[in-house]
Amino acid sequence: LKKALDERPEDFEQIIEDTDLAICITNEEAKFVAVNNNYTK
């Protein structure tokens, strides 16, 4: 996932959905920018 996100950061929303892991992305202010379906589940 790290490699995919580094190579295609513009596709981050799609990339984080393609896994069994729960994933969240936070910004410098520690606020959620994105979460995948597993995270919400």
Full PDB file with SEQRES, HELIX, SHEET, SSBOND, CRYST1, ORIGX, SCALE, CONECT and MASTER records, all heavy atoms in Angstrom:
SEQRES   1 A   41  LEU LYS LYS ALA LEU ASP GLU ARG PRO GLU ASP PHE GLU          
SEQRES   2 A   41  GLN ILE ILE GLU ASP THR ASP LEU ALA ILE CYS ILE THR          
SEQRES   3 A   41  ASN GLU GLU ALA LYS PHE VAL ALA VAL ASN ASN ASN TYR          
SEQRES   4 A   41  THR LYS                                                      
HELIX    1 AA1 LYS A    2  GLU A    7  1                                   6    
HELIX    2 AA2 PRO A    9  ASP A   11  5                                   3    
HELIX    3 AA3 PHE A   12  GLU A   17  1                                   6    
HELIX    4 AA4 ASN A   37  THR A   40  1                                   4    
SHEET    1 AA1 2 CYS A  24  THR A  26  0                                        
SHEET    2 AA1 2 PHE A  32  VAL A  35 -1                                        
CRYST1    1.000    1.000    1.000  90.00  90.00  90.00 P 1           1          
ORIGX1      1.000000  0.000000  0.000000        0.00000                         
ORIGX2      0.000000  1.000000  0.000000        0.00000                         
ORIGX3      0.000000  0.000000  1.000000        0.00000                         
SCALE1      1.000000  0.000000  0.000000        0.00000                         
SCALE2      0.000000  1.000000  0.000000        0.00000                         
SCALE3      0.000000  0.000000  1.000000        0.00000                         
ATOM      1  N   LEU A   1       0.819  -1.209   0.000  1.00  0.00           N  
ATOM      2  CA  LEU A   1       0.000   0.000   0.000  1.00  0.00           C  
ATOM      3  C   LEU A   1       0.856   1.265   0.000  1.00  0.00           C  
ATOM      4  O   LEU A   1       0.548   2.231  -0.711  1.00  0.00           O  
ATOM      5  CB  LEU A   1      -0.944  -0.009   1.202  1.00  0.00           C  
ATOM      6  CG  LEU A   1      -2.031  -1.089   1.153  1.00  0.00           C  
ATOM      7  CD1 LEU A   1      -2.652  -1.272   2.525  1.00  0.00           C  
ATOM      8  CD2 LEU A   1      -3.076  -0.758   0.103  1.00  0.00           C  
ATOM      9  N   LYS A   2       1.927   1.265   0.771  1.00  0.00           N  
ATOM     10  CA  LYS A   2       2.827   2.424   0.801  1.00  0.00           C  
ATOM     11  C   LYS A   2       3.395   2.694  -0.588  1.00  0.00           C  
ATOM     12  O   LYS A   2       3.459   3.848  -1.032  1.00  0.00           O  
ATOM     13  CB  LYS A   2       3.957   2.198   1.805  1.00  0.00           C  
ATOM     14  CG  LYS A   2       3.521   2.252   3.244  1.00  0.00           C  
ATOM     15  CD  LYS A   2       4.673   1.882   4.177  1.00  0.00           C  
ATOM     16  CE  LYS A   2       4.252   1.842   5.619  1.00  0.00           C  
ATOM     17  NZ  LYS A   2       5.362   1.509   6.531  1.00  0.00           N  
ATOM     18  N   LYS A   3       3.806   1.626  -1.269  1.00  0.00           N  
ATOM     19  CA  LYS A   3       4.367   1.772  -2.620  1.00  0.00           C  
ATOM     20  C   LYS A   3       3.320   2.330  -3.581  1.00  0.00           C  
ATOM     21  O   LYS A   3       3.594   3.262  -4.344  1.00  0.00           O  
ATOM     22  CB  LYS A   3       4.875   0.420  -3.114  1.00  0.00           C  
ATOM     23  CG  LYS A   3       5.530   0.464  -4.474  1.00  0.00           C  
ATOM     24  CD  LYS A   3       6.118  -0.894  -4.835  1.00  0.00           C  
ATOM     25  CE  LYS A   3       6.964  -0.798  -6.071  1.00  0.00           C  
ATOM     26  NZ  LYS A   3       6.325  -1.263  -7.264  1.00  0.00           N  
ATOM     27  N   ALA A   4       2.119   1.782  -3.528  1.00  0.00           N  
ATOM     28  CA  ALA A   4       1.046   2.253  -4.411  1.00  0.00           C  
ATOM     29  C   ALA A   4       0.712   3.720  -4.136  1.00  0.00           C  
ATOM     30  O   ALA A   4       0.525   4.509  -5.072  1.00  0.00           O  
ATOM     31  CB  ALA A   4      -0.199   1.377  -4.235  1.00  0.00           C  
ATOM     32  N   LEU A   5       0.644   4.096  -2.868  1.00  0.00           N  
ATOM     33  CA  LEU A   5       0.334   5.482  -2.516  1.00  0.00           C  
ATOM     34  C   LEU A   5       1.445   6.429  -2.939  1.00  0.00           C  
ATOM     35  O   LEU A   5       1.180   7.562  -3.352  1.00  0.00           O  
ATOM     36  CB  LEU A   5       0.076   5.600  -1.013  1.00  0.00           C  
ATOM     37  CG  LEU A   5      -1.245   4.985  -0.545  1.00  0.00           C  
ATOM     38  CD1 LEU A   5      -1.233   4.796   0.966  1.00  0.00           C  
ATOM     39  CD2 LEU A   5      -2.425   5.842  -0.978  1.00  0.00           C  
ATOM     40  N   ASP A   6       2.684   5.973  -2.868  1.00  0.00           N  
ATOM     41  CA  ASP A   6       3.807   6.802  -3.291  1.00  0.00           C  
ATOM     42  C   ASP A   6       3.814   6.987  -4.806  1.00  0.00           C  
ATOM     43  O   ASP A   6       4.103   8.076  -5.303  1.00  0.00           O  
ATOM     44  CB  ASP A   6       5.129   6.177  -2.824  1.00  0.00           C  
ATOM     45  CG  ASP A   6       6.310   7.081  -3.089  1.00  0.00           C  
ATOM     46  OD1 ASP A   6       6.291   8.236  -2.614  1.00  0.00           O  
ATOM     47  OD2 ASP A   6       7.246   6.635  -3.785  1.00  0.00           O  
ATOM     48  N   GLU A   7       3.463   5.917  -5.522  1.00  0.00           N  
ATOM     49  CA  GLU A   7       3.489   5.968  -6.985  1.00  0.00           C  
ATOM     50  C   GLU A   7       2.273   6.675  -7.571  1.00  0.00           C  
ATOM     51  O   GLU A   7       2.357   7.287  -8.633  1.00  0.00           O  
ATOM     52  CB  GLU A   7       3.590   4.553  -7.561  1.00  0.00           C  
ATOM     53  CG  GLU A   7       4.916   3.889  -7.291  1.00  0.00           C  
ATOM     54  CD  GLU A   7       4.960   2.428  -7.723  1.00  0.00           C  
ATOM     55  OE1 GLU A   7       3.908   1.851  -8.086  1.00  0.00           O  
ATOM     56  OE2 GLU A   7       6.070   1.858  -7.685  1.00  0.00           O  
ATOM     57  N   ARG A   8       1.120   6.563  -6.887  1.00  0.00           N  
ATOM     58  CA  ARG A   8      -0.127   7.121  -7.427  1.00  0.00           C  
ATOM     59  C   ARG A   8      -0.919   7.864  -6.335  1.00  0.00           C  
ATOM     60  O   ARG A   8      -2.054   7.507  -6.023  1.00  0.00           O  
ATOM     61  CB  ARG A   8      -0.990   6.002  -8.014  1.00  0.00           C  
ATOM     62  CG  ARG A   8      -0.330   5.247  -9.143  1.00  0.00           C  
ATOM     63  CD  ARG A   8      -1.214   4.209  -9.825  1.00  0.00           C  
ATOM     64  NE  ARG A   8      -2.340   3.706  -9.109  1.00  0.00           N  
ATOM     65  CZ  ARG A   8      -2.353   2.607  -8.333  1.00  0.00           C  
ATOM     66  NH1 ARG A   8      -1.262   1.919  -8.164  1.00  0.00           N  
ATOM     67  NH2 ARG A   8      -3.468   2.203  -7.738  1.00  0.00           N  
ATOM     68  N   PRO A   9      -0.357   8.906  -5.741  1.00  0.00           N  
ATOM     69  CA  PRO A   9      -1.037   9.588  -4.640  1.00  0.00           C  
ATOM     70  C   PRO A   9      -2.392  10.177  -5.027  1.00  0.00           C  
ATOM     71  O   PRO A   9      -3.275  10.307  -4.178  1.00  0.00           O  
ATOM     72  CB  PRO A   9      -0.055  10.681  -4.220  1.00  0.00           C  
ATOM     73  CG  PRO A   9       0.815  10.892  -5.411  1.00  0.00           C  
ATOM     74  CD  PRO A   9       0.903   9.557  -6.094  1.00  0.00           C  
ATOM     75  N   GLU A  10      -2.563  10.492  -6.296  1.00  0.00           N  
ATOM     76  CA  GLU A  10      -3.849  11.036  -6.735  1.00  0.00           C  
ATOM     77  C   GLU A  10      -4.975  10.003  -6.644  1.00  0.00           C  
ATOM     78  O   GLU A  10      -6.154  10.360  -6.608  1.00  0.00           O  
ATOM     79  CB  GLU A  10      -3.745  11.595  -8.166  1.00  0.00           C  
ATOM     80  CG  GLU A  10      -3.516  10.548  -9.241  1.00  0.00           C  
ATOM     81  CD  GLU A  10      -2.070  10.064  -9.388  1.00  0.00           C  
ATOM     82  OE1 GLU A  10      -1.178  10.482  -8.620  1.00  0.00           O  
ATOM     83  OE2 GLU A  10      -1.834   9.238 -10.291  1.00  0.00           O  
ATOM     84  N   ASP A  11      -4.616   8.724  -6.567  1.00  0.00           N  
ATOM     85  CA  ASP A  11      -5.595   7.636  -6.460  1.00  0.00           C  
ATOM     86  C   ASP A  11      -5.737   7.130  -5.028  1.00  0.00           C  
ATOM     87  O   ASP A  11      -6.183   6.004  -4.801  1.00  0.00           O  
ATOM     88  CB  ASP A  11      -5.180   6.467  -7.360  1.00  0.00           C  
ATOM     89  CG  ASP A  11      -5.179   6.831  -8.834  1.00  0.00           C  
ATOM     90  OD1 ASP A  11      -5.986   7.698  -9.237  1.00  0.00           O  
ATOM     91  OD2 ASP A  11      -4.351   6.261  -9.581  1.00  0.00           O  
ATOM     92  N   PHE A  12      -5.360   7.942  -4.029  1.00  0.00           N  
ATOM     93  CA  PHE A  12      -5.308   7.464  -2.652  1.00  0.00           C  
ATOM     94  C   PHE A  12      -6.629   6.880  -2.169  1.00  0.00           C  
ATOM     95  O   PHE A  12      -6.639   5.888  -1.454  1.00  0.00           O  
ATOM     96  CB  PHE A  12      -4.798   8.553  -1.694  1.00  0.00           C  
ATOM     97  CG  PHE A  12      -5.760   9.658  -1.397  1.00  0.00           C  
ATOM     98  CD1 PHE A  12      -6.624   9.574  -0.311  1.00  0.00           C  
ATOM     99  CD2 PHE A  12      -5.787  10.801  -2.187  1.00  0.00           C  
ATOM    100  CE1 PHE A  12      -7.503  10.605  -0.024  1.00  0.00           C  
ATOM    101  CE2 PHE A  12      -6.659  11.838  -1.902  1.00  0.00           C  
ATOM    102  CZ  PHE A  12      -7.532  11.743  -0.828  1.00  0.00           C  
ATOM    103  N   GLU A  13      -7.754   7.472  -2.555  1.00  0.00           N  
ATOM    104  CA  GLU A  13      -9.042   6.963  -2.066  1.00  0.00           C  
ATOM    105  C   GLU A  13      -9.305   5.544  -2.558  1.00  0.00           C  
ATOM    106  O   GLU A  13      -9.777   4.703  -1.811  1.00  0.00           O  
ATOM    107  CB  GLU A  13     -10.170   7.917  -2.457  1.00  0.00           C  
ATOM    108  CG  GLU A  13     -10.095   9.224  -1.689  1.00  0.00           C  
ATOM    109  CD  GLU A  13     -11.087  10.256  -2.173  1.00  0.00           C  
ATOM    110  OE1 GLU A  13     -11.315  10.362  -3.393  1.00  0.00           O  
ATOM    111  OE2 GLU A  13     -11.635  10.965  -1.306  1.00  0.00           O  
ATOM    112  N   GLN A  14      -8.997   5.291  -3.816  1.00  0.00           N  
ATOM    113  CA  GLN A  14      -9.178   3.955  -4.381  1.00  0.00           C  
ATOM    114  C   GLN A  14      -8.180   2.967  -3.768  1.00  0.00           C  
ATOM    115  O   GLN A  14      -8.538   1.837  -3.428  1.00  0.00           O  
ATOM    116  CB  GLN A  14      -9.014   3.999  -5.892  1.00  0.00           C  
ATOM    117  CG  GLN A  14      -9.142   2.641  -6.552  1.00  0.00           C  
ATOM    118  CD  GLN A  14      -8.868   2.709  -8.040  1.00  0.00           C  
ATOM    119  OE1 GLN A  14      -8.671   3.784  -8.617  1.00  0.00           O  
ATOM    120  NE2 GLN A  14      -8.827   1.556  -8.670  1.00  0.00           N  
ATOM    121  N   ILE A  15      -6.940   3.381  -3.604  1.00  0.00           N  
ATOM    122  CA  ILE A  15      -5.891   2.503  -3.086  1.00  0.00           C  
ATOM    123  C   ILE A  15      -6.215   2.046  -1.666  1.00  0.00           C  
ATOM    124  O   ILE A  15      -6.059   0.869  -1.340  1.00  0.00           O  
ATOM    125  CB  ILE A  15      -4.516   3.213  -3.143  1.00  0.00           C  
ATOM    126  CG1 ILE A  15      -4.087   3.387  -4.599  1.00  0.00           C  
ATOM    127  CG2 ILE A  15      -3.469   2.434  -2.348  1.00  0.00           C  
ATOM    128  CD1 ILE A  15      -2.916   4.334  -4.801  1.00  0.00           C  
ATOM    129  N   ILE A  16      -6.686   2.949  -0.803  1.00  0.00           N  
ATOM    130  CA  ILE A  16      -6.930   2.552   0.588  1.00  0.00           C  
ATOM    131  C   ILE A  16      -8.149   1.647   0.731  1.00  0.00           C  
ATOM    132  O   ILE A  16      -8.319   0.997   1.757  1.00  0.00           O  
ATOM    133  CB  ILE A  16      -7.008   3.758   1.552  1.00  0.00           C  
ATOM    134  CG1 ILE A  16      -8.243   4.620   1.304  1.00  0.00           C  
ATOM    135  CG2 ILE A  16      -5.721   4.557   1.500  1.00  0.00           C  
ATOM    136  CD1 ILE A  16      -8.464   5.709   2.344  1.00  0.00           C  
ATOM    137  N   GLU A  17      -8.990   1.575  -0.287  1.00  0.00           N  
ATOM    138  CA  GLU A  17     -10.128   0.655  -0.240  1.00  0.00           C  
ATOM    139  C   GLU A  17      -9.731  -0.764  -0.627  1.00  0.00           C  
ATOM    140  O   GLU A  17     -10.418  -1.714  -0.292  1.00  0.00           O  
ATOM    141  CB  GLU A  17     -11.256   1.137  -1.154  1.00  0.00           C  
ATOM    142  CG  GLU A  17     -11.991   2.345  -0.654  1.00  0.00           C  
ATOM    143  CD  GLU A  17     -12.689   2.163   0.682  1.00  0.00           C  
ATOM    144  OE1 GLU A  17     -12.950   1.020   1.115  1.00  0.00           O  
ATOM    145  OE2 GLU A  17     -12.965   3.193   1.319  1.00  0.00           O  
ATOM    146  N   ASP A  18      -8.615  -0.920  -1.304  1.00  0.00           N  
ATOM    147  CA  ASP A  18      -8.189  -2.206  -1.854  1.00  0.00           C  
ATOM    148  C   ASP A  18      -7.341  -2.989  -0.860  1.00  0.00           C  
ATOM    149  O   ASP A  18      -6.203  -3.341  -1.142  1.00  0.00           O  
ATOM    150  CB  ASP A  18      -7.418  -1.965  -3.152  1.00  0.00           C  
ATOM    151  CG  ASP A  18      -7.038  -3.247  -3.860  1.00  0.00           C  
ATOM    152  OD1 ASP A  18      -7.742  -4.263  -3.683  1.00  0.00           O  
ATOM    153  OD2 ASP A  18      -6.019  -3.245  -4.581  1.00  0.00           O  
ATOM    154  N   THR A  19      -7.904  -3.250   0.323  1.00  0.00           N  
ATOM    155  CA  THR A  19      -7.170  -3.963   1.369  1.00  0.00           C  
ATOM    156  C   THR A  19      -8.132  -4.435   2.446  1.00  0.00           C  
ATOM    157  O   THR A  19      -9.240  -3.905   2.573  1.00  0.00           O  
ATOM    158  CB  THR A  19      -6.084  -3.057   1.998  1.00  0.00           C  
ATOM    159  OG1 THR A  19      -5.348  -3.809   2.964  1.00  0.00           O  
ATOM    160  CG2 THR A  19      -6.677  -1.832   2.650  1.00  0.00           C  
ATOM    161  N   ASP A  20      -7.687  -5.404   3.232  1.00  0.00           N  
ATOM    162  CA  ASP A  20      -8.465  -5.841   4.394  1.00  0.00           C  
ATOM    163  C   ASP A  20      -8.177  -4.983   5.620  1.00  0.00           C  
ATOM    164  O   ASP A  20      -8.853  -5.100   6.632  1.00  0.00           O  
ATOM    165  CB  ASP A  20      -8.148  -7.303   4.731  1.00  0.00           C  
ATOM    166  CG  ASP A  20      -8.689  -8.260   3.678  1.00  0.00           C  
ATOM    167  OD1 ASP A  20      -9.683  -7.909   3.006  1.00  0.00           O  
ATOM    168  OD2 ASP A  20      -8.116  -9.349   3.525  1.00  0.00           O  
ATOM    169  N   LEU A  21      -7.155  -4.135   5.545  1.00  0.00           N  
ATOM    170  CA  LEU A  21      -6.798  -3.281   6.674  1.00  0.00           C  
ATOM    171  C   LEU A  21      -7.763  -2.103   6.782  1.00  0.00           C  
ATOM    172  O   LEU A  21      -8.346  -1.671   5.794  1.00  0.00           O  
ATOM    173  CB  LEU A  21      -5.381  -2.742   6.506  1.00  0.00           C  
ATOM    174  CG  LEU A  21      -4.259  -3.770   6.457  1.00  0.00           C  
ATOM    175  CD1 LEU A  21      -2.930  -3.086   6.153  1.00  0.00           C  
ATOM    176  CD2 LEU A  21      -4.182  -4.546   7.746  1.00  0.00           C  
ATOM    177  N   ALA A  22      -7.892  -1.581   7.981  1.00  0.00           N  
ATOM    178  CA  ALA A  22      -8.583  -0.310   8.187  1.00  0.00           C  
ATOM    179  C   ALA A  22      -7.527   0.780   8.021  1.00  0.00           C  
ATOM    180  O   ALA A  22      -6.410   0.635   8.509  1.00  0.00           O  
ATOM    181  CB  ALA A  22      -9.198  -0.266   9.580  1.00  0.00           C  
ATOM    182  N   ILE A  23      -7.872   1.850   7.322  1.00  0.00           N  
ATOM    183  CA  ILE A  23      -6.898   2.900   7.055  1.00  0.00           C  
ATOM    184  C   ILE A  23      -7.537   4.268   7.284  1.00  0.00           C  
ATOM    185  O   ILE A  23      -8.671   4.513   6.873  1.00  0.00           O  
ATOM    186  CB  ILE A  23      -6.377   2.834   5.606  1.00  0.00           C  
ATOM    187  CG1 ILE A  23      -5.698   1.492   5.348  1.00  0.00           C  
ATOM    188  CG2 ILE A  23      -5.410   3.985   5.316  1.00  0.00           C  
ATOM    189  CD1 ILE A  23      -5.265   1.279   3.922  1.00  0.00           C  
ATOM    190  N   CYS A  24      -6.749   5.125   7.941  1.00  0.00           N  
ATOM    191  CA  CYS A  24      -7.146   6.530   8.030  1.00  0.00           C  
ATOM    192  C   CYS A  24      -5.976   7.390   7.606  1.00  0.00           C  
ATOM    193  O   CYS A  24      -4.810   7.006   7.743  1.00  0.00           O  
ATOM    194  CB  CYS A  24      -7.625   6.895   9.433  1.00  0.00           C  
ATOM    195  SG  CYS A  24      -6.334   6.961  10.684  1.00  0.00           S  
ATOM    196  N   ILE A  25      -6.310   8.557   7.061  1.00  0.00           N  
ATOM    197  CA  ILE A  25      -5.307   9.537   6.676  1.00  0.00           C  
ATOM    198  C   ILE A  25      -5.638  10.815   7.428  1.00  0.00           C  
ATOM    199  O   ILE A  25      -6.775  11.294   7.398  1.00  0.00           O  
ATOM    200  CB  ILE A  25      -5.314   9.774   5.151  1.00  0.00           C  
ATOM    201  CG1 ILE A  25      -5.015   8.460   4.407  1.00  0.00           C  
ATOM    202  CG2 ILE A  25      -4.301  10.859   4.773  1.00  0.00           C  
ATOM    203  CD1 ILE A  25      -5.106   8.554   2.896  1.00  0.00           C  
ATOM    204  N   THR A  26      -4.620  11.337   8.122  1.00  0.00           N  
ATOM    205  CA  THR A  26      -4.791  12.570   8.885  1.00  0.00           C  
ATOM    206  C   THR A  26      -3.818  13.630   8.380  1.00  0.00           C  
ATOM    207  O   THR A  26      -2.753  13.310   7.865  1.00  0.00           O  
ATOM    208  CB  THR A  26      -4.575  12.329  10.393  1.00  0.00           C  
ATOM    209  OG1 THR A  26      -3.325  11.648  10.592  1.00  0.00           O  
ATOM    210  CG2 THR A  26      -5.698  11.487  10.987  1.00  0.00           C  
ATOM    211  N   ASN A  27      -4.208  14.886   8.582  1.00  0.00           N  
ATOM    212  CA  ASN A  27      -3.365  15.990   8.139  1.00  0.00           C  
ATOM    213  C   ASN A  27      -2.498  16.504   9.283  1.00  0.00           C  
ATOM    214  O   ASN A  27      -2.494  15.916  10.374  1.00  0.00           O  
ATOM    215  CB  ASN A  27      -4.211  17.106   7.517  1.00  0.00           C  
ATOM    216  CG  ASN A  27      -5.197  17.720   8.495  1.00  0.00           C  
ATOM    217  OD1 ASN A  27      -5.085  17.581   9.715  1.00  0.00           O  
ATOM    218  ND2 ASN A  27      -6.179  18.422   7.953  1.00  0.00           N  
ATOM    219  N   GLU A  28      -1.806  17.588   9.055  1.00  0.00           N  
ATOM    220  CA  GLU A  28      -0.908  18.142  10.077  1.00  0.00           C  
ATOM    221  C   GLU A  28      -1.648  18.545  11.347  1.00  0.00           C  
ATOM    222  O   GLU A  28      -1.077  18.529  12.429  1.00  0.00           O  
ATOM    223  CB  GLU A  28      -0.173  19.369   9.532  1.00  0.00           C  
ATOM    224  CG  GLU A  28       0.985  19.027   8.634  1.00  0.00           C  
ATOM    225  CD  GLU A  28       1.755  20.259   8.226  1.00  0.00           C  
ATOM    226  OE1 GLU A  28       1.155  21.147   7.582  1.00  0.00           O  
ATOM    227  OE2 GLU A  28       2.954  20.331   8.562  1.00  0.00           O  
ATOM    228  N   GLU A  29      -2.904  18.908  11.208  1.00  0.00           N  
ATOM    229  CA  GLU A  29      -3.711  19.302  12.366  1.00  0.00           C  
ATOM    230  C   GLU A  29      -4.342  18.093  13.053  1.00  0.00           C  
ATOM    231  O   GLU A  29      -5.188  18.250  13.929  1.00  0.00           O  
ATOM    232  CB  GLU A  29      -4.804  20.281  11.949  1.00  0.00           C  
ATOM    233  CG  GLU A  29      -4.282  21.646  11.519  1.00  0.00           C  
ATOM    234  CD  GLU A  29      -3.756  21.652  10.086  1.00  0.00           C  
ATOM    235  OE1 GLU A  29      -4.330  20.952   9.229  1.00  0.00           O  
ATOM    236  OE2 GLU A  29      -2.757  22.341   9.828  1.00  0.00           O  
ATOM    237  N   ALA A  30      -3.953  16.888  12.630  1.00  0.00           N  
ATOM    238  CA  ALA A  30      -4.439  15.628  13.203  1.00  0.00           C  
ATOM    239  C   ALA A  30      -5.915  15.389  12.917  1.00  0.00           C  
ATOM    240  O   ALA A  30      -6.594  14.665  13.634  1.00  0.00           O  
ATOM    241  CB  ALA A  30      -4.156  15.556  14.707  1.00  0.00           C  
ATOM    242  N   LYS A  31      -6.407  15.973  11.838  1.00  0.00           N  
ATOM    243  CA  LYS A  31      -7.805  15.782  11.449  1.00  0.00           C  
ATOM    244  C   LYS A  31      -7.897  14.749  10.335  1.00  0.00           C  
ATOM    245  O   LYS A  31      -7.047  14.697   9.441  1.00  0.00           O  
ATOM    246  CB  LYS A  31      -8.420  17.105  11.002  1.00  0.00           C  
ATOM    247  CG  LYS A  31      -8.537  18.081  12.155  1.00  0.00           C  
ATOM    248  CD  LYS A  31      -9.209  19.354  11.737  1.00  0.00           C  
ATOM    249  CE  LYS A  31      -9.331  20.273  12.959  1.00  0.00           C  
ATOM    250  NZ  LYS A  31      -9.935  21.539  12.609  1.00  0.00           N  
ATOM    251  N   PHE A  32      -8.956  13.945  10.414  1.00  0.00           N  
ATOM    252  CA  PHE A  32      -9.185  12.946   9.373  1.00  0.00           C  
ATOM    253  C   PHE A  32      -9.411  13.626   8.023  1.00  0.00           C  
ATOM    254  O   PHE A  32     -10.242  14.523   7.900  1.00  0.00           O  
ATOM    255  CB  PHE A  32     -10.430  12.103   9.692  1.00  0.00           C  
ATOM    256  CG  PHE A  32     -10.277  11.163  10.851  1.00  0.00           C  
ATOM    257  CD1 PHE A  32     -10.950  11.407  12.045  1.00  0.00           C  
ATOM    258  CD2 PHE A  32      -9.499  10.019  10.755  1.00  0.00           C  
ATOM    259  CE1 PHE A  32     -10.851  10.532  13.115  1.00  0.00           C  
ATOM    260  CE2 PHE A  32      -9.382   9.136  11.831  1.00  0.00           C  
ATOM    261  CZ  PHE A  32     -10.062   9.395  13.008  1.00  0.00           C  
ATOM    262  N   VAL A  33      -8.689  13.141   7.024  1.00  0.00           N  
ATOM    263  CA  VAL A  33      -8.856  13.577   5.648  1.00  0.00           C  
ATOM    264  C   VAL A  33      -9.564  12.485   4.856  1.00  0.00           C  
ATOM    265  O   VAL A  33     -10.360  12.761   3.964  1.00  0.00           O  
ATOM    266  CB  VAL A  33      -7.476  13.898   5.020  1.00  0.00           C  
ATOM    267  CG1 VAL A  33      -7.580  14.166   3.537  1.00  0.00           C  
ATOM    268  CG2 VAL A  33      -6.840  15.060   5.749  1.00  0.00           C  
ATOM    269  N   ALA A  34      -9.261  11.229   5.203  1.00  0.00           N  
ATOM    270  CA  ALA A  34      -9.871  10.080   4.525  1.00  0.00           C  
ATOM    271  C   ALA A  34      -9.860   8.885   5.462  1.00  0.00           C  
ATOM    272  O   ALA A  34      -8.968   8.748   6.302  1.00  0.00           O  
ATOM    273  CB  ALA A  34      -9.113   9.748   3.234  1.00  0.00           C  
ATOM    274  N   VAL A  35     -10.864   8.038   5.290  1.00  0.00           N  
ATOM    275  CA  VAL A  35     -10.941   6.746   5.976  1.00  0.00           C  
ATOM    276  C   VAL A  35     -11.516   5.757   4.977  1.00  0.00           C  
ATOM    277  O   VAL A  35     -12.310   6.132   4.116  1.00  0.00           O  
ATOM    278  CB  VAL A  35     -11.826   6.798   7.257  1.00  0.00           C  
ATOM    279  CG1 VAL A  35     -11.206   7.677   8.327  1.00  0.00           C  
ATOM    280  CG2 VAL A  35     -13.232   7.272   6.939  1.00  0.00           C  
ATOM    281  N   ASN A  36     -11.091   4.506   5.077  1.00  0.00           N  
ATOM    282  CA  ASN A  36     -11.667   3.523   4.166  1.00  0.00           C  
ATOM    283  C   ASN A  36     -12.875   2.845   4.810  1.00  0.00           C  
ATOM    284  O   ASN A  36     -13.192   3.076   5.986  1.00  0.00           O  
ATOM    285  CB  ASN A  36     -10.610   2.528   3.668  1.00  0.00           C  
ATOM    286  CG  ASN A  36     -10.117   1.557   4.724  1.00  0.00           C  
ATOM    287  OD1 ASN A  36     -10.473   1.627   5.894  1.00  0.00           O  
ATOM    288  ND2 ASN A  36      -9.258   0.631   4.297  1.00  0.00           N  
ATOM    289  N   ASN A  37     -13.556   2.024   4.027  1.00  0.00           N  
ATOM    290  CA  ASN A  37     -14.767   1.348   4.517  1.00  0.00           C  
ATOM    291  C   ASN A  37     -14.487   0.459   5.718  1.00  0.00           C  
ATOM    292  O   ASN A  37     -15.311   0.372   6.628  1.00  0.00           O  
ATOM    293  CB  ASN A  37     -15.428   0.543   3.401  1.00  0.00           C  
ATOM    294  CG  ASN A  37     -16.115   1.429   2.385  1.00  0.00           C  
ATOM    295  OD1 ASN A  37     -16.537   2.544   2.691  1.00  0.00           O  
ATOM    296  ND2 ASN A  37     -16.214   0.955   1.159  1.00  0.00           N  
ATOM    297  N   ASN A  38     -13.329  -0.204   5.729  1.00  0.00           N  
ATOM    298  CA  ASN A  38     -12.994  -1.059   6.876  1.00  0.00           C  
ATOM    299  C   ASN A  38     -12.847  -0.223   8.150  1.00  0.00           C  
ATOM    300  O   ASN A  38     -13.239  -0.655   9.224  1.00  0.00           O  
ATOM    301  CB  ASN A  38     -11.716  -1.856   6.618  1.00  0.00           C  
ATOM    302  CG  ASN A  38     -11.927  -2.941   5.598  1.00  0.00           C  
ATOM    303  OD1 ASN A  38     -13.000  -3.503   5.489  1.00  0.00           O  
ATOM    304  ND2 ASN A  38     -10.902  -3.227   4.827  1.00  0.00           N  
ATOM    305  N   TYR A  39     -12.293   0.959   8.018  1.00  0.00           N  
ATOM    306  CA  TYR A  39     -12.149   1.833   9.178  1.00  0.00           C  
ATOM    307  C   TYR A  39     -13.524   2.203   9.725  1.00  0.00           C  
ATOM    308  O   TYR A  39     -13.759   2.131  10.933  1.00  0.00           O  
ATOM    309  CB  TYR A  39     -11.359   3.091   8.788  1.00  0.00           C  
ATOM    310  CG  TYR A  39     -10.807   3.854   9.967  1.00  0.00           C  
ATOM    311  CD1 TYR A  39      -9.531   3.586  10.446  1.00  0.00           C  
ATOM    312  CD2 TYR A  39     -11.548   4.855  10.601  1.00  0.00           C  
ATOM    313  CE1 TYR A  39      -8.999   4.289  11.522  1.00  0.00           C  
ATOM    314  CE2 TYR A  39     -11.029   5.554  11.674  1.00  0.00           C  
ATOM    315  CZ  TYR A  39      -9.769   5.274  12.137  1.00  0.00           C  
ATOM    316  OH  TYR A  39      -9.257   5.955  13.207  1.00  0.00           O  
ATOM    317  N   THR A  40     -14.433   2.589   8.853  1.00  0.00           N  
ATOM    318  CA  THR A  40     -15.773   2.972   9.323  1.00  0.00           C  
ATOM    319  C   THR A  40     -16.504   1.773   9.919  1.00  0.00           C  
ATOM    320  O   THR A  40     -17.246   1.924  10.879  1.00  0.00           O  
ATOM    321  CB  THR A  40     -16.613   3.603   8.194  1.00  0.00           C  
ATOM    322  OG1 THR A  40     -16.799   2.664   7.141  1.00  0.00           O  
ATOM    323  CG2 THR A  40     -15.966   4.866   7.664  1.00  0.00           C  
ATOM    324  N   LYS A  41     -16.266   0.608   9.358  1.00  0.00           N  
ATOM    325  CA  LYS A  41     -16.915  -0.605   9.886  1.00  0.00           C  
ATOM    326  C   LYS A  41     -16.448  -0.898  11.312  1.00  0.00           C  
ATOM    327  O   LYS A  41     -17.267  -1.085  12.210  1.00  0.00           O  
ATOM    328  CB  LYS A  41     -16.601  -1.800   8.977  1.00  0.00           C  
ATOM    329  CG  LYS A  41     -17.199  -3.115   9.464  1.00  0.00           C  
ATOM    330  CD  LYS A  41     -16.845  -4.247   8.523  1.00  0.00           C  
ATOM    331  CE  LYS A  41     -15.752  -5.063   9.146  1.00  0.00           C  
ATOM    332  NZ  LYS A  41     -15.326  -6.218   8.376  1.00  0.00           N  
TER     333      LYS A  41                                                      
MASTER        0    0    0    4    2    0    0    6  332    1    0    4          
END                                                                             
